[in-house]
PDB file of N, CA and C in Angstrom:
ATOM      1  N   UNK A   1      59.307 217.446 158.498  1.00  0.00           N
ATOM      2  CA  UNK A   1      59.287 216.493 157.235  1.00  0.00           C
ATOM      3  C   UNK A   1      58.747 214.849 156.992  1.00  0.00           C
ATOM      4  N   UNK A   2      58.693 214.198 156.105  1.00  0.00           N
ATOM      5  CA  UNK A   2      58.218 213.309 155.798  1.00  0.00           C
ATOM      6  C   UNK A   2      57.214 213.130 155.044  1.00  0.00           C
ATOM      7  N   UNK A   3      56.837 212.292 155.084  1.00  0.00           N
ATOM      8  CA  UNK A   3      55.389 211.893 153.669  1.00  0.00           C
ATOM      9  C   UNK A   3      54.636 212.343 154.212  1.00  0.00           C
ATOM     10  N   UNK A   4      53.310 212.231 153.390  1.00  0.00           N
ATOM     11  CA  UNK A   4      51.488 212.087 154.220  1.00  0.00           C
ATOM     12  C   UNK A   4      51.127 210.663 154.898  1.00  0.00           C
ATOM     13  N   UNK A   5      51.613 210.207 154.219  1.00  0.00           N
ATOM     14  CA  UNK A   5      51.524 208.736 155.650  1.00  0.00           C
ATOM     15  C   UNK A   5      52.168 208.977 156.626  1.00  0.00           C
ATOM     16  N   UNK A   6      53.364 209.366 156.686  1.00  0.00           N
ATOM     17  CA  UNK A   6      54.040 209.677 157.913  1.00  0.00           C
ATOM     18  C   UNK A   6      53.224 210.353 158.553  1.00  0.00           C
ATOM     19  N   UNK A   7      52.835 211.129 158.590  1.00  0.00           N
ATOM     20  CA  UNK A   7      52.313 213.026 159.358  1.00  0.00           C
ATOM     21  C   UNK A   7      51.206 211.958 159.823  1.00  0.00           C
ATOM     22  N   UNK A   8      50.307 211.265 158.685  1.00  0.00           N
ATOM     23  CA  UNK A   8      49.049 211.061 159.870  1.00  0.00           C
ATOM     24  C   UNK A   8      48.967 209.724 160.262  1.00  0.00           C
ATOM     25  N   UNK A   9      49.722 208.881 159.731  1.00  0.00           N
ATOM     26  CA  UNK A   9      50.507 207.593 160.905  1.00  0.00           C
ATOM     27  C   UNK A   9      50.843 207.873 162.928  1.00  0.00           C
ATOM     28  N   UNK A  10      51.478 209.354 162.658  1.00  0.00           N
ATOM     29  CA  UNK A  10      52.425 210.044 163.598  1.00  0.00           C
ATOM     30  C   UNK A  10      50.977 210.742 164.745  1.00  0.00           C
ATOM     31  N   UNK A  11      49.929 211.537 163.365  1.00  0.00           N
ATOM     32  CA  UNK A  11      48.674 211.876 164.182  1.00  0.00           C
ATOM     33  C   UNK A  11      47.904 210.770 164.976  1.00  0.00           C
ATOM     34  N   UNK A  12      47.903 209.832 163.804  1.00  0.00           N
ATOM     35  CA  UNK A  12      46.993 208.355 164.531  1.00  0.00           C
ATOM     36  C   UNK A  12      47.406 208.104 165.344  1.00  0.00           C
ATOM     37  N   UNK A  13      48.862 208.004 165.600  1.00  0.00           N
ATOM     38  CA  UNK A  13      49.209 206.972 166.751  1.00  0.00           C
ATOM     39  C   UNK A  13      49.950 208.053 167.976  1.00  0.00           C
ATOM     40  N   UNK A  14      49.121 209.211 168.266  1.00  0.00           N
ATOM     41  CA  UNK A  14      49.501 210.005 169.134  1.00  0.00           C
ATOM     42  C   UNK A  14      51.358 210.586 169.379  1.00  0.00           C
ATOM     43  N   UNK A  15      51.559 210.443 167.956  1.00  0.00           N
ATOM     44  CA  UNK A  15      53.134 210.927 168.059  1.00  0.00           C
ATOM     45  C   UNK A  15      54.105 209.403 168.187  1.00  0.00           C
ATOM     46  N   UNK A  16      53.322 208.114 168.708  1.00  0.00           N
ATOM     47  CA  UNK A  16      54.160 207.304 168.532  1.00  0.00           C
ATOM     48  C   UNK A  16      54.921 206.361 167.290  1.00  0.00           C
ATOM     49  N   UNK A  17      54.882 206.641 166.326  1.00  0.00           N
ATOM     50  CA  UNK A  17      54.529 206.027 165.212  1.00  0.00           C
ATOM     51  C   UNK A  17      54.788 207.311 163.837  1.00  0.00           C
ATOM     52  N   UNK A  18      56.162 207.170 163.133  1.00  0.00           N
ATOM     53  CA  UNK A  18      55.896 208.308 162.325  1.00  0.00           C
ATOM     54  C   UNK A  18      57.078 207.088 161.451  1.00  0.00           C
ATOM     55  N   UNK A  19      56.404 206.694 160.202  1.00  0.00           N
ATOM     56  CA  UNK A  19      56.866 205.771 159.424  1.00  0.00           C
ATOM     57  C   UNK A  19      55.673 206.270 157.746  1.00  0.00           C
ATOM     58  N   UNK A  20      56.291 205.429 156.480  1.00  0.00           N
ATOM     59  CA  UNK A  20      56.479 205.350 155.893  1.00  0.00           C
ATOM     60  C   UNK A  20      56.714 204.041 155.322  1.00  0.00           C
ATOM     61  N   UNK A  21      56.024 203.694 153.947  1.00  0.00           N
ATOM     62  CA  UNK A  21      56.657 202.733 152.975  1.00  0.00           C
ATOM     63  C   UNK A  21      57.117 202.625 152.570  1.00  0.00           C
ATOM     64  N   UNK A  22      57.974 201.698 151.665  1.00  0.00           N
ATOM     65  CA  UNK A  22      58.871 201.828 150.697  1.00  0.00           C
ATOM     66  C   UNK A  22      58.636 202.433 149.532  1.00  0.00           C
ATOM     67  N   UNK A  23      57.148 202.435 149.084  1.00  0.00           N
ATOM     68  CA  UNK A  23      56.427 203.292 147.124  1.00  0.00           C
ATOM     69  C   UNK A  23      56.283 204.281 147.591  1.00  0.00           C
ATOM     70  N   UNK A  24      55.799 204.174 149.090  1.00  0.00           N
ATOM     71  CA  UNK A  24      55.806 206.220 148.838  1.00  0.00           C
ATOM     72  C   UNK A  24      57.258 206.324 149.437  1.00  0.00           C
ATOM     73  N   UNK A  25      58.118 205.852 150.500  1.00  0.00           N
ATOM     74  CA  UNK A  25      59.187 206.652 149.777  1.00  0.00           C
ATOM     75  C   UNK A  25      59.865 206.840 148.803  1.00  0.00           C
ATOM     76  N   UNK A  26      59.552 206.404 147.932  1.00  0.00           N
ATOM     77  CA  UNK A  26      60.119 205.580 146.179  1.00  0.00           C
ATOM     78  C   UNK A  26      60.368 207.756 146.260  1.00  0.00           C
ATOM     79  N   UNK A  27      59.404 208.189 146.226  1.00  0.00           N
ATOM     80  CA  UNK A  27      58.550 209.450 145.825  1.00  0.00           C
ATOM     81  C   UNK A  27      59.559 210.365 146.061  1.00  0.00           C
ATOM     82  N   UNK A  28      59.951 210.174 146.803  1.00  0.00           N
ATOM     83  CA  UNK A  28      60.950 211.808 147.876  1.00  0.00           C
ATOM     84  C   UNK A  28      61.752 211.654 146.628  1.00  0.00           C
ATOM     85  N   UNK A  29      62.719 210.851 145.531  1.00  0.00           N
ATOM     86  CA  UNK A  29      63.159 210.587 145.709  1.00  0.00           C
ATOM     87  C   UNK A  29      64.480 209.946 145.647  1.00  0.00           C
ATOM     88  N   UNK A  30      64.519 210.374 147.509  1.00  0.00           N
ATOM     89  CA  UNK A  30      65.925 209.961 148.478  1.00  0.00           C
ATOM     90  C   UNK A  30      66.212 208.705 149.110  1.00  0.00           C
ATOM     91  N   UNK A  31      65.417 207.546 147.941  1.00  0.00           N
ATOM     92  CA  UNK A  31      65.408 205.920 148.582  1.00  0.00           C
ATOM     93  C   UNK A  31      66.442 204.825 148.342  1.00  0.00           C
ATOM     94  N   UNK A  32      67.369 204.942 148.513  1.00  0.00           N
ATOM     95  CA  UNK A  32      68.646 204.427 148.070  1.00  0.00           C
ATOM     96  C   UNK A  32      67.204 202.671 147.558  1.00  0.00           C
ATOM     97  N   UNK A  33      67.170 202.527 146.455  1.00  0.00           N
ATOM     98  CA  UNK A  33      66.395 201.443 145.746  1.00  0.00           C
ATOM     99  C   UNK A  33      66.633 200.134 146.154  1.00  0.00           C
ATOM    100  N   UNK A  34      68.176 199.492 146.330  1.00  0.00           N
ATOM    101  CA  UNK A  34      68.711 198.786 146.504  1.00  0.00           C
ATOM    102  C   UNK A  34      69.084 198.046 147.854  1.00  0.00           C
ATOM    103  N   UNK A  35      69.000 198.675 148.197  1.00  0.00           N
ATOM    104  CA  UNK A  35      68.577 198.586 150.344  1.00  0.00           C
ATOM    105  C   UNK A  35      67.164 199.265 150.685  1.00  0.00           C
ATOM    106  N   UNK A  36      66.785 199.675 150.184  1.00  0.00           N
ATOM    107  CA  UNK A  36      65.044 200.414 150.721  1.00  0.00           C
ATOM    108  C   UNK A  36      65.513 200.729 151.592  1.00  0.00           C
ATOM    109  N   UNK A  37      66.637 201.443 151.501  1.00  0.00           N
ATOM    110  CA  UNK A  37      66.576 202.916 153.433  1.00  0.00           C
ATOM    111  C   UNK A  37      66.572 204.240 152.575  1.00  0.00           C
ATOM    112  N   UNK A  38      66.774 205.492 153.227  1.00  0.00           N
ATOM    113  CA  UNK A  38      66.877 206.743 152.876  1.00  0.00           C
ATOM    114  C   UNK A  38      68.550 206.834 152.582  1.00  0.00           C
ATOM    115  N   UNK A  39      68.569 207.206 151.327  1.00  0.00           N
ATOM    116  CA  UNK A  39      70.969 207.134 150.666  1.00  0.00           C
ATOM    117  C   UNK A  39      71.004 207.982 151.277  1.00  0.00           C
ATOM    118  N   UNK A  40      71.877 207.723 151.880  1.00  0.00           N
ATOM    119  CA  UNK A  40      73.127 208.966 152.658  1.00  0.00           C
ATOM    120  C   UNK A  40      73.354 209.569 152.157  1.00  0.00           C
ATOM    121  N   UNK A  41      73.765 208.785 151.253  1.00  0.00           N
ATOM    122  CA  UNK A  41      74.908 209.945 149.879  1.00  0.00           C
ATOM    123  C   UNK A  41      72.984 211.094 150.100  1.00  0.00           C
ATOM    124  N   UNK A  42      72.447 210.867 149.720  1.00  0.00           N
ATOM    125  CA  UNK A  42      70.908 211.910 148.744  1.00  0.00           C
ATOM    126  C   UNK A  42      71.329 212.707 150.146  1.00  0.00           C
ATOM    127  N   UNK A  43      71.462 212.084 151.199  1.00  0.00           N
ATOM    128  CA  UNK A  43      70.642 212.794 153.274  1.00  0.00           C
ATOM    129  C   UNK A  43      72.120 213.885 153.537  1.00  0.00           C
ATOM    130  N   UNK A  44      73.128 213.216 152.882  1.00  0.00           N
ATOM    131  CA  UNK A  44      74.619 214.370 152.990  1.00  0.00           C
ATOM    132  C   UNK A  44      74.447 215.233 152.497  1.00  0.00           C
ATOM    133  N   UNK A  45      73.869 215.140 151.166  1.00  0.00           N
ATOM    134  CA  UNK A  45      74.556 216.329 149.690  1.00  0.00           C
ATOM    135  C   UNK A  45      73.647 217.175 150.460  1.00  0.00           C
ATOM    136  N   UNK A  46      72.031 217.665 151.143  1.00  0.00           N
ATOM    137  CA  UNK A  46      71.023 217.861 151.162  1.00  0.00           C
ATOM    138  C   UNK A  46      71.192 218.486 152.892  1.00  0.00           C
ATOM    139  N   UNK A  47      72.283 218.058 153.695  1.00  0.00           N
ATOM    140  CA  UNK A  47      72.160 218.288 154.279  1.00  0.00           C
ATOM    141  C   UNK A  47      71.439 217.876 155.615  1.00  0.00           C
ATOM    142  N   UNK A  48      70.841 216.601 155.571  1.00  0.00           N
ATOM    143  CA  UNK A  48      69.207 216.466 156.387  1.00  0.00           C
ATOM    144  C   UNK A  48      69.757 214.975 156.881  1.00  0.00           C
ATOM    145  N   UNK A  49      69.325 215.643 158.559  1.00  0.00           N
ATOM    146  CA  UNK A  49      70.000 214.421 159.305  1.00  0.00           C
ATOM    147  C   UNK A  49      68.203 212.810 159.548  1.00  0.00           C
ATOM    148  N   UNK A  50      68.724 211.782 159.627  1.00  0.00           N
ATOM    149  CA  UNK A  50      67.897 210.938 158.780  1.00  0.00           C
ATOM    150  C   UNK A  50      66.714 210.521 160.468  1.00  0.00           C
ATOM    151  N   UNK A  51      67.040 211.531 161.360  1.00  0.00           N
ATOM    152  CA  UNK A  51      65.891 211.172 162.068  1.00  0.00           C
ATOM    153  C   UNK A  51      64.184 212.160 161.382  1.00  0.00           C
ATOM    154  N   UNK A  52      65.118 213.087 160.528  1.00  0.00           N
ATOM    155  CA  UNK A  52      63.749 213.770 160.228  1.00  0.00           C
ATOM    156  C   UNK A  52      63.028 213.065 159.243  1.00  0.00           C
ATOM    157  N   UNK A  53      63.147 212.182 158.882  1.00  0.00           N
ATOM    158  CA  UNK A  53      62.530 211.332 157.962  1.00  0.00           C
ATOM    159  C   UNK A  53      61.897 210.247 158.719  1.00  0.00           C
ATOM    160  N   UNK A  54      60.573 210.060 158.239  1.00  0.00           N
ATOM    161  CA  UNK A  54      59.821 208.711 158.285  1.00  0.00           C
ATOM    162  C   UNK A  54      60.850 207.385 158.671  1.00  0.00           C
ATOM    163  N   UNK A  55      60.901 206.444 159.814  1.00  0.00           N
ATOM    164  CA  UNK A  55      61.068 205.135 159.636  1.00  0.00           C
ATOM    165  C   UNK A  55      60.836 204.376 158.699  1.00  0.00           C
ATOM    166  N   UNK A  56      61.369 203.383 157.669  1.00  0.00           N
ATOM    167  CA  UNK A  56      60.826 203.102 156.621  1.00  0.00           C
ATOM    168  C   UNK A  56      60.539 201.509 157.298  1.00  0.00           C
ATOM    169  N   UNK A  57      58.802 201.200 156.723  1.00  0.00           N
ATOM    170  CA  UNK A  57      58.407 199.786 157.674  1.00  0.00           C
ATOM    171  C   UNK A  57      57.675 198.890 155.897  1.00  0.00           C
ATOM    172  N   UNK A  58      57.639 198.141 155.818  1.00  0.00           N
ATOM    173  CA  UNK A  58      57.103 197.252 155.551  1.00  0.00           C
ATOM    174  C   UNK A  58      55.159 197.886 155.594  1.00  0.00           C
ATOM    175  N   UNK A  59      54.798 197.682 153.984  1.00  0.00           N
ATOM    176  CA  UNK A  59      53.276 197.971 153.516  1.00  0.00           C
ATOM    177  C   UNK A  59      52.520 197.056 154.506  1.00  0.00           C
ATOM    178  N   UNK A  60      52.921 195.813 154.958  1.00  0.00           N
ATOM    179  CA  UNK A  60      52.334 194.965 155.360  1.00  0.00           C
ATOM    180  C   UNK A  60      51.541 195.210 156.858  1.00  0.00           C
ATOM    181  N   UNK A  61      53.098 195.410 157.327  1.00  0.00           N
ATOM    182  CA  UNK A  61      52.559 194.670 158.802  1.00  0.00           C
ATOM    183  C   UNK A  61      52.592 195.984 159.766  1.00  0.00           C
ATOM    184  N   UNK A  62      51.907 195.196 160.907  1.00  0.00           N
ATOM    185  CA  UNK A  62      51.403 195.541 162.113  1.00  0.00           C
ATOM    186  C   UNK A  62      51.473 197.427 162.655  1.00  0.00           C
ATOM    187  N   UNK A  63      51.314 198.438 162.566  1.00  0.00           N
ATOM    188  CA  UNK A  63      52.202 199.282 162.184  1.00  0.00           C
ATOM    189  C   UNK A  63      52.308 199.965 163.545  1.00  0.00           C
ATOM    190  N   UNK A  64      51.237 199.723 165.330  1.00  0.00           N
ATOM    191  CA  UNK A  64      50.607 200.167 165.726  1.00  0.00           C
ATOM    192  C   UNK A  64      49.790 200.526 166.306  1.00  0.00           C
ATOM    193  N   UNK A  65      49.360 201.431 167.203  1.00  0.00           N
ATOM    194  CA  UNK A  65      47.791 201.365 167.370  1.00  0.00           C
ATOM    195  C   UNK A  65      47.342 203.042 167.652  1.00  0.00           C
ATOM    196  N   UNK A  66      46.012 202.903 167.100  1.00  0.00           N
ATOM    197  CA  UNK A  66      45.527 205.210 167.366  1.00  0.00           C
ATOM    198  C   UNK A  66      45.626 204.945 168.072  1.00  0.00           C
ATOM    199  N   UNK A  67      46.192 206.109 169.203  1.00  0.00           N
ATOM    200  CA  UNK A  67      45.278 206.848 169.684  1.00  0.00           C
ATOM    201  C   UNK A  67      44.304 206.546 170.322  1.00  0.00           C
ATOM    202  N   UNK A  68      43.580 206.379 171.756  1.00  0.00           N
ATOM    203  CA  UNK A  68      42.787 206.089 172.247  1.00  0.00           C
ATOM    204  C   UNK A  68      41.626 207.386 172.723  1.00  0.00           C
ATOM    205  N   UNK A  69      42.861 208.412 173.037  1.00  0.00           N
ATOM    206  CA  UNK A  69      41.756 209.706 172.723  1.00  0.00           C
ATOM    207  C   UNK A  69      41.518 209.950 171.467  1.00  0.00           C
ATOM    208  N   UNK A  70      41.568 209.195 170.274  1.00  0.00           N
ATOM    209  CA  UNK A  70      40.722 209.760 169.145  1.00  0.00           C
ATOM    210  C   UNK A  70      39.701 209.041 168.623  1.00  0.00           C
ATOM    211  N   UNK A  71      39.322 207.673 169.045  1.00  0.00           N
ATOM    212  CA  UNK A  71      38.180 206.967 169.441  1.00  0.00           C
ATOM    213  C   UNK A  71      37.388 206.467 170.047  1.00  0.00           C
ATOM    214  N   UNK A  72      37.658 206.616 171.307  1.00  0.00           N
ATOM    215  CA  UNK A  72      37.541 205.707 172.412  1.00  0.00           C
ATOM    216  C   UNK A  72      38.379 204.559 172.766  1.00  0.00           C
ATOM    217  N   UNK A  73      38.722 203.705 172.085  1.00  0.00           N
ATOM    218  CA  UNK A  73      39.409 202.499 172.108  1.00  0.00           C
ATOM    219  C   UNK A  73      40.464 202.835 171.273  1.00  0.00           C
ATOM    220  N   UNK A  74      42.231 201.907 171.144  1.00  0.00           N
ATOM    221  CA  UNK A  74      42.667 201.656 169.856  1.00  0.00           C
ATOM    222  C   UNK A  74      42.463 200.789 169.332  1.00  0.00           C
ATOM    223  N   UNK A  75      42.862 201.404 168.231  1.00  0.00           N
ATOM    224  CA  UNK A  75      42.541 200.286 166.762  1.00  0.00           C
ATOM    225  C   UNK A  75      43.582 200.526 165.515  1.00  0.00           C
ATOM    226  N   UNK A  76      44.260 199.196 165.862  1.00  0.00           N
ATOM    227  CA  UNK A  76      45.744 198.721 164.819  1.00  0.00           C
ATOM    228  C   UNK A  76      44.804 199.590 163.698  1.00  0.00           C
ATOM    229  N   UNK A  77      46.941 200.202 162.868  1.00  0.00           N
ATOM    230  CA  UNK A  77      46.956 200.677 161.742  1.00  0.00           C
ATOM    231  C   UNK A  77      47.406 199.671 161.052  1.00  0.00           C
ATOM    232  N   UNK A  78      47.094 198.673 159.795  1.00  0.00           N
ATOM    233  CA  UNK A  78      47.629 197.291 159.524  1.00  0.00           C
ATOM    234  C   UNK A  78      48.235 197.561 158.401  1.00  0.00           C
ATOM    235  N   UNK A  79      48.309 198.558 157.752  1.00  0.00           N
ATOM    236  CA  UNK A  79      48.932 198.456 156.618  1.00  0.00           C
ATOM    237  C   UNK A  79      48.882 199.651 156.060  1.00  0.00           C
ATOM    238  N   UNK A  80      50.050 200.255 155.072  1.00  0.00           N
ATOM    239  CA  UNK A  80      49.638 201.507 154.211  1.00  0.00           C
ATOM    240  C   UNK A  80      49.851 201.654 153.124  1.00  0.00           C
ATOM    241  N   UNK A  81      49.228 202.029 152.257  1.00  0.00           N
ATOM    242  CA  UNK A  81      48.820 202.037 151.005  1.00  0.00           C
ATOM    243  C   UNK A  81      48.598 203.788 150.488  1.00  0.00           C
ATOM    244  N   UNK A  82      49.246 204.683 149.430  1.00  0.00           N
ATOM    245  CA  UNK A  82      48.546 205.719 149.536  1.00  0.00           C
ATOM    246  C   UNK A  82      48.173 206.172 147.708  1.00  0.00           C
ATOM    247  N   UNK A  83      48.074 206.516 147.372  1.00  0.00           N
ATOM    248  CA  UNK A  83      48.403 207.519 146.373  1.00  0.00           C
ATOM    249  C   UNK A  83      48.100 206.208 145.219  1.00  0.00           C
ATOM    250  N   UNK A  84      49.176 206.680 144.183  1.00  0.00           N
ATOM    251  CA  UNK A  84      49.028 205.751 142.798  1.00  0.00           C
ATOM    252  C   UNK A  84      49.312 204.402 142.755  1.00  0.00           C
ATOM    253  N   UNK A  85      50.212 204.622 144.039  1.00  0.00           N
ATOM    254  CA  UNK A  85      50.133 202.367 144.987  1.00  0.00           C
ATOM    255  C   UNK A  85      48.465 201.742 145.447  1.00  0.00           C
ATOM    256  N   UNK A  86      47.971 202.994 145.684  1.00  0.00           N
ATOM    257  CA  UNK A  86      46.759 202.393 145.792  1.00  0.00           C
ATOM    258  C   UNK A  86      45.371 202.441 145.118  1.00  0.00           C
ATOM    259  N   UNK A  87      45.750 203.499 144.097  1.00  0.00           N
ATOM    260  CA  UNK A  87      45.202 202.718 142.500  1.00  0.00           C
ATOM    261  C   UNK A  87      45.213 202.552 142.021  1.00  0.00           C
ATOM    262  N   UNK A  88      47.193 201.123 141.867  1.00  0.00           N
ATOM    263  CA  UNK A  88      46.979 200.316 141.155  1.00  0.00           C
ATOM    264  C   UNK A  88      45.674 198.951 141.984  1.00  0.00           C
ATOM    265  N   UNK A  89      45.239 198.779 143.376  1.00  0.00           N
ATOM    266  CA  UNK A  89      45.281 197.681 143.828  1.00  0.00           C
ATOM    267  C   UNK A  89      43.286 198.199 143.347  1.00  0.00           C
ATOM    268  N   UNK A  90      43.055 199.502 143.445  1.00  0.00           N
ATOM    269  CA  UNK A  90      42.084 199.531 142.793  1.00  0.00           C
ATOM    270  C   UNK A  90      41.265 199.605 141.387  1.00  0.00           C
ATOM    271  N   UNK A  91      41.942 199.686 140.941  1.00  0.00           N
ATOM    272  CA  UNK A  91      41.854 199.102 139.467  1.00  0.00           C
ATOM    273  C   UNK A  91      42.373 197.568 138.965  1.00  0.00           C
ATOM    274  N   UNK A  92      42.351 196.584 140.528  1.00  0.00           N
ATOM    275  CA  UNK A  92      42.822 195.140 139.720  1.00  0.00           C
ATOM    276  C   UNK A  92      43.772 195.663 139.123  1.00  0.00           C
ATOM    277  N   UNK A  93      45.279 195.409 140.263  1.00  0.00           N
ATOM    278  CA  UNK A  93      46.425 195.483 139.449  1.00  0.00           C
ATOM    279  C   UNK A  93      46.611 194.099 140.623  1.00  0.00           C
ATOM    280  N   UNK A  94      47.029 193.018 141.158  1.00  0.00           N
ATOM    281  CA  UNK A  94      47.041 192.639 141.702  1.00  0.00           C
ATOM    282  C   UNK A  94      47.799 191.853 141.123  1.00  0.00           C
ATOM    283  N   UNK A  95      48.997 191.060 140.209  1.00  0.00           N
ATOM    284  CA  UNK A  95      49.880 190.453 140.181  1.00  0.00           C
ATOM    285  C   UNK A  95      51.523 190.617 139.351  1.00  0.00           C
ATOM    286  N   UNK A  96      52.306 190.954 139.767  1.00  0.00           N
ATOM    287  CA  UNK A  96      53.384 191.248 139.373  1.00  0.00           C
ATOM    288  C   UNK A  96      53.384 191.708 137.583  1.00  0.00           C
ATOM    289  N   UNK A  97      54.033 192.893 136.942  1.00  0.00           N
ATOM    290  CA  UNK A  97      54.370 193.456 136.368  1.00  0.00           C
ATOM    291  C   UNK A  97      52.373 194.137 135.873  1.00  0.00           C
ATOM    292  N   UNK A  98      51.296 194.143 136.193  1.00  0.00           N
ATOM    293  CA  UNK A  98      50.060 194.560 135.962  1.00  0.00           C
ATOM    294  C   UNK A  98      50.788 195.942 136.195  1.00  0.00           C
ATOM    295  N   UNK A  99      48.892 196.164 135.220  1.00  0.00           N
ATOM    296  CA  UNK A  99      49.150 197.995 135.492  1.00  0.00           C
ATOM    297  C   UNK A  99      48.081 198.947 135.167  1.00  0.00           C
ATOM    298  N   UNK A 100      48.381 200.099 136.014  1.00  0.00           N
ATOM    299  CA  UNK A 100      46.576 200.305 135.685  1.00  0.00           C
ATOM    300  C   UNK A 100      46.577 200.718 133.675  1.00  0.00           C
ATOM    301  N   UNK A 101      45.267 201.373 133.491  1.00  0.00           N
ATOM    302  CA  UNK A 101      44.959 201.360 132.049  1.00  0.00           C
ATOM    303  C   UNK A 101      44.653 203.167 132.065  1.00  0.00           C
ATOM    304  N   UNK A 102      45.130 203.601 130.878  1.00  0.00           N
ATOM    305  CA  UNK A 102      44.855 204.872 130.850  1.00  0.00           C
ATOM    306  C   UNK A 102      44.167 205.192 129.271  1.00  0.00           C
ATOM    307  N   UNK A 103      44.112 205.821 128.783  1.00  0.00           N
ATOM    308  CA  UNK A 103      44.259 205.950 127.602  1.00  0.00           C
ATOM    309  C   UNK A 103      44.676 205.476 126.797  1.00  0.00           C
ATOM    310  N   UNK A 104      45.876 205.414 127.296  1.00  0.00           N
ATOM    311  CA  UNK A 104      46.804 204.284 126.321  1.00  0.00           C
ATOM    312  C   UNK A 104      47.412 203.875 126.950  1.00  0.00           C
ATOM    313  N   UNK A 105      47.422 202.797 126.182  1.00  0.00           N
ATOM    314  CA  UNK A 105      48.251 201.118 127.012  1.00  0.00           C
ATOM    315  C   UNK A 105      49.685 201.197 127.397  1.00  0.00           C
ATOM    316  N   UNK A 106      49.932 201.236 129.004  1.00  0.00           N
ATOM    317  CA  UNK A 106      51.351 201.859 129.020  1.00  0.00           C
ATOM    318  C   UNK A 106      51.767 200.240 129.359  1.00  0.00           C
ATOM    319  N   UNK A 107      52.896 199.831 129.000  1.00  0.00           N
ATOM    320  CA  UNK A 107      53.966 198.499 129.873  1.00  0.00           C
ATOM    321  C   UNK A 107      55.263 198.813 130.383  1.00  0.00           C
ATOM    322  N   UNK A 108      54.989 197.850 131.332  1.00  0.00           N
ATOM    323  CA  UNK A 108      55.631 198.020 132.532  1.00  0.00           C
ATOM    324  C   UNK A 108      56.693 197.817 132.355  1.00  0.00           C
ATOM    325  N   UNK A 109      58.153 198.183 132.756  1.00  0.00           N
ATOM    326  CA  UNK A 109      59.413 198.132 131.942  1.00  0.00           C
ATOM    327  C   UNK A 109      59.809 197.347 134.295  1.00  0.00           C
ATOM    328  N   UNK A 110      61.572 197.789 133.869  1.00  0.00           N
ATOM    329  CA  UNK A 110      62.546 197.433 135.226  1.00  0.00           C
ATOM    330  C   UNK A 110      62.494 197.727 135.665  1.00  0.00           C
ATOM    331  N   UNK A 111      62.232 199.289 135.789  1.00  0.00           N
ATOM    332  CA  UNK A 111      62.100 200.831 136.540  1.00  0.00           C
ATOM    333  C   UNK A 111      61.690 200.819 137.900  1.00  0.00           C
ATOM    334  N   UNK A 112      62.563 201.498 138.846  1.00  0.00           N
ATOM    335  CA  UNK A 112      62.729 201.691 139.965  1.00  0.00           C
ATOM    336  C   UNK A 112      60.784 201.460 140.595  1.00  0.00           C
ATOM    337  N   UNK A 113      60.034 202.234 139.945  1.00  0.00           N
ATOM    338  CA  UNK A 113      59.063 202.480 140.581  1.00  0.00           C
ATOM    339  C   UNK A 113      58.185 201.688 140.150  1.00  0.00           C
ATOM    340  N   UNK A 114      58.043 200.571 138.777  1.00  0.00           N
ATOM    341  CA  UNK A 114      57.676 199.639 138.803  1.00  0.00           C
ATOM    342  C   UNK A 114      57.866 198.234 140.015  1.00  0.00           C
ATOM    343  N   UNK A 115      59.403 198.012 140.201  1.00  0.00           N
ATOM    344  CA  UNK A 115      59.911 197.232 141.056  1.00  0.00           C
ATOM    345  C   UNK A 115      59.050 197.795 142.962  1.00  0.00           C
ATOM    346  N   UNK A 116      58.609 198.420 143.191  1.00  0.00           N
ATOM    347  CA  UNK A 116      58.305 199.490 144.230  1.00  0.00           C
ATOM    348  C   UNK A 116      56.519 199.393 143.899  1.00  0.00           C
ATOM    349  N   UNK A 117      55.985 198.711 142.777  1.00  0.00           N
ATOM    350  CA  UNK A 117      55.027 198.688 143.013  1.00  0.00           C
ATOM    351  C   UNK A 117      54.879 197.665 142.797  1.00  0.00           C
ATOM    352  N   UNK A 118      55.777 196.456 142.613  1.00  0.00           N
ATOM    353  CA  UNK A 118      55.686 194.980 142.383  1.00  0.00           C
ATOM    354  C   UNK A 118      56.172 194.876 144.328  1.00  0.00           C
ATOM    355  N   UNK A 119      56.467 195.699 145.161  1.00  0.00           N
ATOM    356  CA  UNK A 119      56.762 195.382 146.367  1.00  0.00           C
ATOM    357  C   UNK A 119      55.458 195.433 147.119  1.00  0.00           C
ATOM    358  N   UNK A 120      54.628 197.138 147.097  1.00  0.00           N
ATOM    359  CA  UNK A 120      53.794 196.930 147.431  1.00  0.00           C
ATOM    360  C   UNK A 120      52.830 196.257 147.164  1.00  0.00           C
ATOM    361  N   UNK A 121      52.324 195.614 145.628  1.00  0.00           N
ATOM    362  CA  UNK A 121      52.168 194.858 145.379  1.00  0.00           C
ATOM    363  C   UNK A 121      51.644 193.125 146.069  1.00  0.00           C
ATOM    364  N   UNK A 122      52.831 193.033 146.618  1.00  0.00           N
ATOM    365  CA  UNK A 122      53.493 191.404 147.723  1.00  0.00           C
ATOM    366  C   UNK A 122      53.218 192.338 148.830  1.00  0.00           C
ATOM    367  N   UNK A 123      52.860 193.160 149.388  1.00  0.00           N
ATOM    368  CA  UNK A 123      52.839 193.389 150.217  1.00  0.00           C
ATOM    369  C   UNK A 123      51.546 193.007 150.895  1.00  0.00           C
ATOM    370  N   UNK A 124      50.392 193.903 149.567  1.00  0.00           N
ATOM    371  CA  UNK A 124      49.012 193.883 149.413  1.00  0.00           C
ATOM    372  C   UNK A 124      48.457 192.200 149.784  1.00  0.00           C
ATOM    373  N   UNK A 125      49.286 191.443 148.807  1.00  0.00           N
ATOM    374  CA  UNK A 125      48.233 190.488 148.471  1.00  0.00           C
ATOM    375  C   UNK A 125      48.720 189.709 150.439  1.00  0.00           C
ATOM    376  N   UNK A 126      49.521 189.742 150.906  1.00  0.00           N
ATOM    377  CA  UNK A 126      49.782 189.471 151.986  1.00  0.00           C
ATOM    378  C   UNK A 126      48.898 189.591 152.670  1.00  0.00           C
ATOM    379  N   UNK A 127      48.508 190.675 152.731  1.00  0.00           N
ATOM    380  CA  UNK A 127      47.481 191.035 153.600  1.00  0.00           C
ATOM    381  C   UNK A 127      46.279 190.351 153.364  1.00  0.00           C
ATOM    382  N   UNK A 128      45.902 190.214 152.349  1.00  0.00           N
ATOM    383  CA  UNK A 128      44.499 189.611 151.671  1.00  0.00           C
ATOM    384  C   UNK A 128      44.395 188.082 151.716  1.00  0.00           C
ATOM    385  N   UNK A 129      45.640 187.736 152.214  1.00  0.00           N
ATOM    386  CA  UNK A 129      45.577 186.114 152.534  1.00  0.00           C
ATOM    387  C   UNK A 129      44.712 185.831 154.346  1.00  0.00           C
TER     388      UNK A 129
END
């Protein structure tokens, strides 16, 4: 079980790390948005052990290193950003309340997805400093 980035990090680190960031974890609908941890209530309702889900880490931290067998040397893995959250940065959304533009204008709200995108943006900004 887990997220796509959790699977990828596990493969790249030779099984040493199984992690995801809060923005990606939120897409599972099992994240406690207040605590930024897996929801104990939902894990209980679905009878899922927390151990089957990736550890939630900041998107801007050093996560680990690649298994040297893959590329000949260990390479630091220093960030996580996938899917829609990565697209925010690709479209230049670096500030709080910046939003991606589609055919129709979308105005940010104070909902969970906006808050988690803000967390991802803050992490991205700290990487770029």
